[in-house]
């Protein structure tokens, strides 16, 4: 696979950091740390499923994945806003 195709690789639920980076790119600084942790999981699932190249399914999602996504998203926010 050519290097330029790396952005087109499928993303799955265990790819927490990739998901968080995509969410940060979408929402930027609109969601700070406290807002990220207050997002309802039902909303978060929908946002993840809307990510381009996301290949996971709703059925594969669980609370542990969502908590990890939130944590990684906060880390991404912190690294870009402090």
Protein backbone atom coordinates (compact mmCIF):
# COMPACT_ATOMS: atom_id res chain seq x y z
CA UNK A 1 0.00 0.00 0.00
CA UNK A 2 1.43 3.38 -0.95
CA UNK A 3 2.07 5.79 1.91
CA UNK A 4 -0.45 8.34 0.61
CA UNK A 5 -3.23 5.75 1.09
CA UNK A 6 -2.71 5.71 4.86
CA UNK A 7 -5.46 8.33 5.35
CA UNK A 8 -7.89 6.03 3.57
CA UNK A 9 -7.37 3.03 5.85
CA UNK A 10 -10.47 1.83 7.67
CA UNK A 11 -10.92 2.86 11.30
CA UNK A 12 -12.45 0.45 13.85
CA UNK A 13 -13.65 0.80 17.45
CA UNK A 14 -10.29 -0.24 19.00
CA UNK A 15 -8.59 2.61 17.09
CA UNK A 16 -9.40 5.03 19.93
CA UNK A 17 -6.65 7.51 19.14
CA UNK A 18 -7.56 7.70 15.44
CA UNK A 19 -11.21 8.24 16.34
CA UNK A 20 -10.28 10.97 18.83
CA UNK A 21 -8.13 12.74 16.26
CA UNK A 22 -11.01 12.69 13.77
CA UNK A 23 -13.41 14.08 16.38
CA UNK A 24 -10.96 16.84 17.28
CA UNK A 25 -10.57 17.73 13.60
CA UNK A 26 -14.35 17.92 13.29
CA UNK A 27 -15.12 19.90 16.45
CA UNK A 28 -11.81 21.61 17.26
CA UNK A 29 -11.85 23.76 20.37
CA UNK A 30 -15.67 23.89 20.44
CA UNK A 31 -15.54 20.98 22.88
CA UNK A 32 -13.23 21.55 25.83
CA UNK A 33 -12.35 18.91 28.40
CA UNK A 34 -15.46 19.30 30.52
CA UNK A 35 -17.77 19.25 27.50
CA UNK A 36 -16.11 16.14 26.08
CA UNK A 37 -16.75 14.23 29.30
CA UNK A 38 -20.40 15.38 29.36
CA UNK A 39 -21.23 14.08 25.87
CA UNK A 40 -23.92 11.43 25.94
CA UNK A 41 -22.69 8.11 24.65
CA UNK A 42 -25.67 7.94 22.28
CA UNK A 43 -24.42 11.14 20.59
CA UNK A 44 -20.81 9.99 20.61
CA UNK A 45 -21.72 6.74 18.87
CA UNK A 46 -23.47 8.65 16.09
CA UNK A 47 -20.51 11.01 15.61
CA UNK A 48 -18.08 8.10 15.41
CA UNK A 49 -20.25 6.28 12.89
CA UNK A 50 -20.20 9.44 10.71
CA UNK A 51 -16.37 9.49 10.51
CA UNK A 52 -15.15 8.92 6.95
CA UNK A 53 -13.49 5.51 6.62
CA UNK A 54 -15.00 4.30 9.90
CA UNK A 55 -15.68 0.62 9.32
CA UNK A 56 -16.94 -0.43 12.73
CA UNK A 57 -20.57 -1.09 13.53
CA UNK A 58 -22.94 0.06 16.25
CA UNK A 59 -23.11 -3.54 17.50
CA UNK A 60 -19.33 -3.66 18.04
CA UNK A 61 -19.44 -0.57 20.24
CA UNK A 62 -19.33 -0.83 24.02
CA UNK A 63 -18.91 1.45 27.01
CA UNK A 64 -15.19 0.71 27.30
CA UNK A 65 -14.57 1.87 23.72
CA UNK A 66 -16.55 5.07 24.29
CA UNK A 67 -14.69 5.85 27.52
CA UNK A 68 -11.35 5.36 25.76
CA UNK A 69 -12.43 7.58 22.88
CA UNK A 70 -13.39 10.31 25.35
CA UNK A 71 -10.04 10.02 27.15
CA UNK A 72 -8.05 10.15 23.92
CA UNK A 73 -10.14 13.08 22.67
CA UNK A 74 -9.37 15.01 25.88
CA UNK A 75 -5.68 14.22 25.43
CA UNK A 76 -5.87 15.49 21.83
CA UNK A 77 -7.68 18.65 22.98
CA UNK A 78 -5.08 19.27 25.71
CA UNK A 79 -2.15 18.83 23.34
CA UNK A 80 -3.63 21.40 20.94
CA UNK A 81 -5.00 23.97 23.41
CA UNK A 82 -2.55 24.38 26.26
